[in-house]
Amino acid sequence: MFGRGRGRRMGHLKPSRCDGQRSLSSSKSATPGSSNSRRSLGQSFNLDAIRCLGAAIRHPSFLIPHVNAYNVNEICFKTLKKAGIRAVVFDKDNTLTAPYGYEIHPSAKEGLARCLEEFGAENVVLMSNSAGTLDDKNFEEAKHIEMALGVPVLRHREKKPKGFVELMDHFPHKAIVRPESMCIVGDRVLTDVLFGSMYGLLTVHVNEPLGEKKDNQVARFMRTVENRILLPVLRLLGVSPTYHPALTSIDAGDGDSERQARKH
């Protein structure tokens, strides 16, 4: 399903509210762990997400995705490009791969290929809260994923929903790639969707688990709360996603949006 929420105008949170990013000059500035348990712990305890909860409380619309899809294969990237999107940011675990996996999942393989065809690898980046962070010793996991997926992995100190400055620094042509011309695709509401909404990106939420047995318990629990409690309650209360200009083009051009979104 490729559903769309109708956006309403709302000022985006200023970056200074939940920012303070520092550029990542090299992996030698910290000594991250290399085991799966260390990376699992890093994902479970996301201090950056906790610090940004105030933004979600003040602006609950930040938690409502603009676009919903069951998995990456169901996203029509051609439609997104026609709507003005010029760059795509992917989460990793439960979006492109199984948790802590390196290989592309079948539910994302065709979609990622179409995305790369539409936008080019230079305008696609993977922003993970494990690979490419300081939990990833010498960025070995990031390098392995880049070889396996053919997609660059962002090196960043701060985890989603922070790290906006580091993401923008990845794209050299800022006149072309601006926040409103980017979309983020991910499975987590309190990291991926919140990050995108705070900084003006189009948010695409995917909710098919790609291997929960390998996921850490905290992430699995939080995902369940987000999808089965948080989002339904917010929608029941009438909370709409933040305004994004791409929604106007998608609404006007799709016709039968559910059928059109499935065309590749």
Protein backbone atom coordinates (compact mmCIF):
# COMPACT_ATOMS: atom_id res chain seq x y z
CA MET A 1 0.00 0.00 0.00
CA PHE A 2 1.23 3.43 -0.84
CA GLY A 3 -1.09 5.68 1.15
CA ARG A 4 -0.67 9.40 1.52
CA GLY A 5 -1.58 11.65 4.40
CA ARG A 6 -2.88 15.10 3.57
CA GLY A 7 -0.36 17.59 4.86
CA ARG A 8 -1.21 20.76 6.66
CA ARG A 9 1.01 23.78 6.95
CA MET A 10 3.10 23.91 10.07
CA GLY A 11 6.41 25.58 10.74
CA HIS A 12 9.30 23.13 10.99
CA LEU A 13 11.30 22.99 14.20
CA LYS A 14 14.40 25.11 13.97
CA PRO A 15 17.57 22.98 13.80
CA SER A 16 19.00 24.75 16.87
CA ARG A 17 16.28 23.22 19.02
CA CYS A 18 17.60 19.72 18.63
CA ASP A 19 20.91 19.93 16.87
CA GLY A 20 24.46 20.94 17.62
CA GLN A 21 25.96 18.59 15.06
CA ARG A 22 29.67 18.21 14.73
CA SER A 23 31.36 17.16 11.49
CA LEU A 24 32.87 13.67 11.46
CA SER A 25 36.46 14.15 10.40
CA SER A 26 37.75 10.63 10.96
CA SER A 27 37.00 7.37 12.72
CA LYS A 28 40.00 7.83 14.99
CA SER A 29 38.18 10.32 17.22
CA ALA A 30 36.45 7.53 19.15
CA THR A 31 36.87 3.86 19.92
CA PRO A 32 33.59 2.20 18.99
CA GLY A 33 32.86 -1.45 19.66
CA SER A 34 32.76 -3.99 16.85
CA SER A 35 30.48 -6.77 18.11
CA ASN A 36 26.81 -7.17 17.30
CA SER A 37 25.98 -6.77 20.98
CA ARG A 38 27.75 -3.41 21.10
CA ARG A 39 25.92 -2.20 18.00
CA SER A 40 22.65 -3.56 19.37
CA LEU A 41 23.20 -1.65 22.61
CA GLY A 42 23.99 1.50 20.64
CA GLN A 43 20.71 1.26 18.80
CA SER A 44 18.73 0.40 21.93
CA PHE A 45 19.99 3.41 23.87
CA ASN A 46 19.64 6.33 21.48
CA LEU A 47 20.30 9.42 23.54
CA ASP A 48 19.76 11.68 20.52
CA ALA A 49 16.23 10.30 20.09
CA ILE A 50 15.48 10.86 23.77
CA ARG A 51 16.67 14.47 23.54
CA CYS A 52 14.36 15.09 20.58
CA LEU A 53 11.22 13.72 22.22
CA GLY A 54 10.30 17.28 23.18
CA ALA A 55 9.91 18.14 19.50
CA ALA A 56 7.50 15.25 19.05
CA ILE A 57 5.49 16.27 22.11
CA ARG A 58 5.22 19.88 20.97
CA HIS A 59 4.51 18.93 17.35
CA PRO A 60 2.81 15.50 17.15
CA SER A 61 2.41 16.00 13.39
CA PHE A 62 6.16 15.31 13.17
CA LEU A 63 5.35 11.66 13.87
CA ILE A 64 2.85 11.17 11.03
CA PRO A 65 4.54 10.01 7.78
CA HIS A 66 3.64 11.68 4.51
CA VAL A 67 3.64 8.37 2.61
CA ASN A 68 3.00 4.81 3.81
CA ALA A 69 4.21 1.65 2.05
CA TYR A 70 4.39 -1.96 3.13
CA ASN A 71 7.98 -2.28 1.91
CA VAL A 72 10.51 -0.60 -0.38
CA ASN A 73 9.41 -2.66 -3.39
CA GLU A 74 5.99 -1.00 -3.25
CA ILE A 75 7.31 2.56 -3.47
CA CYS A 76 6.95 4.25 -6.86
CA PHE A 77 10.16 6.28 -7.07
CA LYS A 78 9.20 7.59 -10.48
CA THR A 79 6.18 9.28 -8.88
CA LEU A 80 8.38 10.78 -6.17
CA LYS A 81 10.80 12.16 -8.75
CA LYS A 82 7.96 13.72 -10.73
CA ALA A 83 6.82 15.36 -7.49
CA GLY A 84 10.17 17.15 -7.11
CA ILE A 85 12.21 14.72 -5.02
CA ARG A 86 15.88 14.74 -6.07
CA ALA A 87 17.60 12.61 -3.40
CA VAL A 88 16.62 9.61 -1.30
CA VAL A 89 17.85 8.72 2.18
CA PHE A 90 17.35 5.12 3.30
CA ASP A 91 17.37 3.62 6.75
CA LYS A 92 19.03 0.20 6.85
CA ASP A 93 17.64 -2.32 9.34
CA ASN A 94 14.09 -3.47 8.53
CA THR A 95 14.10 -1.16 5.51
CA LEU A 96 16.75 -2.47 3.10
CA THR A 97 18.15 -5.39 5.08
CA ALA A 98 17.29 -7.65 7.98
CA PRO A 99 18.53 -6.26 11.32
CA TYR A 100 22.35 -6.23 11.39
CA GLY A 101 22.38 -7.93 7.98
CA TYR A 102 24.52 -6.95 5.00
CA GLU A 103 22.53 -8.31 2.07
CA ILE A 104 19.57 -6.61 0.42
CA HIS A 105 16.25 -8.16 1.49
CA PRO A 106 13.95 -9.52 -1.27
CA SER A 107 11.25 -7.05 -0.15
CA ALA A 108 13.60 -4.17 -0.99
CA LYS A 109 15.74 -5.48 -3.85
CA GLU A 110 13.57 -4.39 -6.79
CA GLY A 111 12.65 -1.10 -5.15
CA LEU A 112 16.27 -0.14 -4.46
CA ALA A 113 17.19 -0.96 -8.07
CA ARG A 114 14.42 1.30 -9.38
CA CYS A 115 15.46 4.04 -6.98
CA LEU A 116 19.08 3.93 -8.19
CA GLU A 117 17.88 3.97 -11.78
CA GLU A 118 15.71 7.04 -11.19
CA PHE A 119 18.04 9.11 -9.00
CA GLY A 120 21.55 7.74 -9.54
CA ALA A 121 23.79 6.39 -6.78
CA GLU A 122 25.22 9.87 -6.16
CA ASN A 123 21.78 11.03 -4.98
CA VAL A 124 21.03 8.01 -2.79
CA VAL A 125 22.53 7.46 0.66
CA LEU A 126 22.04 5.04 3.52
CA MET A 127 21.79 6.68 6.95
CA SER A 128 21.81 4.04 9.65
CA ASN A 129 21.88 4.28 13.42
CA SER A 130 24.38 1.42 13.44
CA ALA A 131 26.52 1.26 10.29
CA GLY A 132 28.53 4.42 9.71
CA THR A 133 28.21 5.63 13.31
CA LEU A 134 30.78 5.55 16.08
CA ASP A 135 29.38 2.13 17.06
CA ASP A 136 30.83 0.85 13.77
CA LYS A 137 34.53 0.31 14.45
CA ASN A 138 36.67 1.65 11.60
CA PHE A 139 33.41 1.80 9.62
CA GLU A 140 33.91 -1.85 8.67
CA GLU A 141 30.17 -2.52 8.57
CA ALA A 142 29.59 0.56 6.43
CA LYS A 143 32.24 -0.55 3.95
CA HIS A 144 30.78 -4.04 3.74
CA ILE A 145 27.28 -2.68 3.10
CA GLU A 146 28.54 -0.30 0.42
CA MET A 147 30.12 -3.24 -1.40
CA ALA A 148 26.98 -5.37 -1.05
CA LEU A 149 24.33 -2.76 -1.88
CA GLY A 150 26.16 -0.31 -4.14
CA VAL A 151 24.90 2.58 -2.00
CA PRO A 152 27.10 4.99 -0.02
CA VAL A 153 26.73 4.80 3.75
CA LEU A 154 26.79 8.13 5.60
CA ARG A 155 29.47 8.49 8.27
CA HIS A 156 27.97 10.45 11.13
CA ARG A 157 28.46 11.05 14.84
CA GLU A 158 24.89 11.86 15.76
CA LYS A 159 22.09 9.39 15.32
CA LYS A 160 18.63 10.01 13.91
CA PRO A 161 16.60 12.02 14.64
CA LYS A 162 19.73 14.19 14.77
CA GLY A 163 22.54 14.34 12.21
CA PHE A 164 20.91 16.70 9.71
CA VAL A 165 24.02 18.83 9.07
CA GLU A 166 26.13 15.74 8.46
CA LEU A 167 23.54 14.47 5.99
CA MET A 168 23.47 17.75 4.06
CA ASP A 169 27.26 17.83 3.94
CA HIS A 170 27.15 14.52 2.07
CA PHE A 171 25.54 16.21 -0.95
CA PRO A 172 27.90 18.73 -2.60
CA HIS A 173 25.23 20.32 -4.82
CA LYS A 174 23.10 22.00 -2.16
CA ALA A 175 21.46 24.27 -4.72
CA ILE A 176 19.85 21.15 -6.22
CA VAL A 177 19.51 18.90 -3.17
CA ARG A 178 17.64 20.85 -0.52
CA PRO A 179 15.67 19.41 2.44
CA GLU A 180 12.33 19.79 0.64
CA SER A 181 13.73 17.93 -2.40
CA MET A 182 14.78 14.93 -0.32
CA CYS A 183 12.83 12.01 1.08
CA ILE A 184 13.71 9.59 3.84
CA VAL A 185 12.55 5.97 3.77
CA GLY A 186 12.53 4.06 7.04
CA ASP A 187 10.64 1.81 9.41
CA ARG A 188 10.89 3.77 12.65
CA VAL A 189 8.56 6.60 13.61
CA LEU A 190 10.61 8.07 16.46
CA THR A 191 13.82 8.19 14.43
CA ASP A 192 13.26 8.15 10.64
CA VAL A 193 9.88 9.90 10.43
CA LEU A 194 10.68 12.36 13.22
CA PHE A 195 14.03 13.22 11.62
CA GLY A 196 12.48 13.87 8.22
CA SER A 197 9.58 15.92 9.55
CA MET A 198 11.77 18.08 11.77
CA TYR A 199 13.95 19.18 8.88
CA GLY A 200 11.46 19.34 6.01
CA LEU A 201 12.10 16.07 4.17
CA LEU A 202 9.31 13.99 2.65
CA THR A 203 8.86 10.97 4.93
CA VAL A 204 8.09 7.46 3.65
CA HIS A 205 7.24 4.89 6.33
CA VAL A 206 7.63 1.16 5.59
CA ASN A 207 6.18 -1.29 8.11
CA GLU A 208 6.99 -4.82 6.94
CA PRO A 209 9.39 -6.44 9.46
CA LEU A 210 12.34 -7.91 7.56
CA GLY A 211 13.67 -10.19 10.29
CA GLU A 212 12.48 -9.36 13.79
CA LYS A 213 14.00 -12.51 15.28
CA LYS A 214 17.46 -10.98 14.81
CA ASP A 215 16.43 -7.53 16.05
CA ASN A 216 17.20 -6.35 19.56
CA GLN A 217 14.28 -6.46 21.98
CA VAL A 218 14.10 -2.72 22.65
CA ALA A 219 13.89 -1.81 18.94
CA ARG A 220 11.32 -4.54 18.33
CA PHE A 221 9.20 -3.35 21.26
CA MET A 222 9.39 0.31 20.23
CA ARG A 223 8.45 -0.50 16.63
CA THR A 224 5.39 -2.38 17.85
CA VAL A 225 4.35 0.54 20.07
CA GLU A 226 4.84 3.02 17.23
CA ASN A 227 2.87 1.05 14.63
CA ARG A 228 0.11 -0.44 16.75
CA ILE A 229 -0.48 2.24 19.36
CA LEU A 230 1.17 5.59 18.64
CA LEU A 231 0.23 6.08 14.98
CA PRO A 232 -3.37 4.78 15.32
CA VAL A 233 -4.01 7.01 18.34
CA LEU A 234 -2.58 10.11 16.65
CA ARG A 235 -4.65 9.49 13.53
CA LEU A 236 -7.75 8.88 15.64
CA LEU A 237 -7.12 12.28 17.20
CA GLY A 238 -7.00 13.83 13.73
CA VAL A 239 -3.27 14.59 13.65
CA SER A 240 -2.05 15.16 10.08
CA PRO A 241 1.50 15.11 8.71
CA THR A 242 3.44 18.30 8.26
CA TYR A 243 3.03 20.19 5.01
CA HIS A 244 5.30 19.11 2.18
CA PRO A 245 5.10 20.57 -1.36
CA ALA A 246 5.58 17.16 -3.01
CA LEU A 247 2.21 15.99 -1.68
CA THR A 248 0.42 18.47 -3.91
CA SER A 249 2.01 16.96 -7.03
CA ILE A 250 1.38 13.39 -5.87
CA ASP A 251 -2.30 14.12 -5.11
CA ALA A 252 -2.81 15.94 -8.41
CA GLY A 253 -1.00 13.49 -10.64
CA ASP A 254 -1.76 10.02 -9.36
CA GLY A 255 -5.44 9.61 -10.15
CA ASP A 256 -5.97 6.21 -8.57
CA SER A 257 -3.07 6.59 -6.17
CA GLU A 258 -3.08 3.01 -4.86
CA ARG A 259 -2.96 1.52 -8.38
CA GLN A 260 -0.53 4.14 -9.72
CA ALA A 261 1.93 3.60 -6.89
CA ARG A 262 2.29 -0.06 -7.81
CA LYS A 263 3.36 0.72 -11.39
CA HIS A 264 7.10 0.42 -11.89
